[in-house]
Protein backbone atom coordinates (compact mmCIF):
# COMPACT_ATOMS: atom_id res chain seq x y z
CA UNK A 1 91.41 90.71 126.54
CA UNK A 2 88.52 91.90 124.50
CA UNK A 3 90.76 92.02 121.29
CA UNK A 4 91.76 88.58 121.87
CA UNK A 5 88.35 87.35 122.06
CA UNK A 6 87.59 89.30 118.88
CA UNK A 7 90.57 87.37 117.23
CA UNK A 8 89.27 84.14 118.22
CA UNK A 9 85.76 84.68 116.92
CA UNK A 10 87.39 85.96 113.64
CA UNK A 11 89.70 82.82 113.33
CA UNK A 12 86.89 80.29 113.86
CA UNK A 13 84.64 81.94 111.33
CA UNK A 14 86.59 80.13 108.51
CA UNK A 15 86.47 76.24 108.81
CA UNK A 16 89.66 76.03 107.29
CA UNK A 17 91.46 78.56 109.55
CA UNK A 18 89.62 76.69 112.67
CA UNK A 19 90.86 73.14 111.27
CA UNK A 20 94.53 74.50 110.90
CA UNK A 21 94.31 76.27 114.57
CA UNK A 22 93.25 72.89 116.19
CA UNK A 23 95.88 70.98 114.09
CA UNK A 24 98.81 73.14 114.71
CA UNK A 25 98.07 73.84 118.42
CA UNK A 26 96.93 70.41 119.33
CA UNK A 27 93.74 71.89 121.14
CA UNK A 28 90.69 70.01 121.21
CA UNK A 29 87.35 71.87 120.52
CA UNK A 30 86.54 71.20 124.15
CA UNK A 31 89.63 72.56 125.10
CA UNK A 32 89.14 75.58 123.10
CA UNK A 33 85.54 76.26 124.45
CA UNK A 34 86.75 75.66 128.08
CA UNK A 35 89.49 77.89 127.88
CA UNK A 36 88.41 80.71 125.56
CA UNK A 37 88.52 83.28 128.57
CA UNK A 38 91.62 82.27 130.01
CA UNK A 39 94.71 84.55 129.32
CA UNK A 40 97.02 81.73 128.23
CA UNK A 41 94.76 80.34 125.70
CA UNK A 42 93.94 83.71 124.29
CA UNK A 43 97.75 84.37 123.91
CA UNK A 44 97.97 81.03 122.12
CA UNK A 45 95.37 81.99 119.55
CA UNK A 46 97.16 85.25 118.92
CA UNK A 47 100.55 83.31 118.61
CA UNK A 48 98.67 81.11 116.09
CA UNK A 49 97.78 84.20 114.05
CA UNK A 50 101.30 85.60 114.31
CA UNK A 51 102.75 82.50 112.90
CA UNK A 52 100.90 83.22 109.67
CA UNK A 53 101.32 86.83 108.84
CA UNK A 54 98.71 86.98 106.11
CA UNK A 55 96.07 85.78 108.84
CA UNK A 56 97.51 88.29 111.41
CA UNK A 57 97.18 91.11 108.92
CA UNK A 58 93.62 90.02 107.65
CA UNK A 59 92.41 89.60 111.00
CA UNK A 60 93.80 93.03 112.21
CA UNK A 61 92.27 94.89 109.26
CA UNK A 62 88.67 93.10 109.87
CA UNK A 63 88.92 94.21 113.57
CA UNK A 64 89.79 97.90 112.66
CA UNK A 65 93.32 97.19 114.26
CA UNK A 66 96.92 97.20 113.52
CA UNK A 67 98.75 93.84 113.60
CA UNK A 68 101.21 95.35 116.06
CA UNK A 69 98.19 95.54 118.47
CA UNK A 70 97.54 91.92 118.22
CA UNK A 71 101.07 91.22 118.91
CA UNK A 72 101.21 93.58 121.80
CA UNK A 73 97.69 91.92 123.13
CA UNK A 74 99.58 88.52 122.98
CA UNK A 75 102.45 89.92 124.99
CA UNK A 76 100.08 91.39 127.66
CA UNK A 77 98.38 88.22 127.95
CA UNK A 78 101.53 86.28 128.44
CA UNK A 79 102.51 88.44 131.06
CA UNK A 80 98.88 88.14 132.97
């Protein structure tokens, strides 16, 4: 869950990525804030990154992880 939270923070650091996240997921800022610690919400964030490979790879690099680790984290969260 910690890796997914780090990915969320990374995603929100860019206003353009944050706007794209909200637009593509249909989430509101309030929903994002309220659900930030929920497995389903975190899985959705990682799924959003998977949908744009360049973001997935860049996020993983910035977090010192492999992209596959983010994908595995999403799968784990979806099973929680």
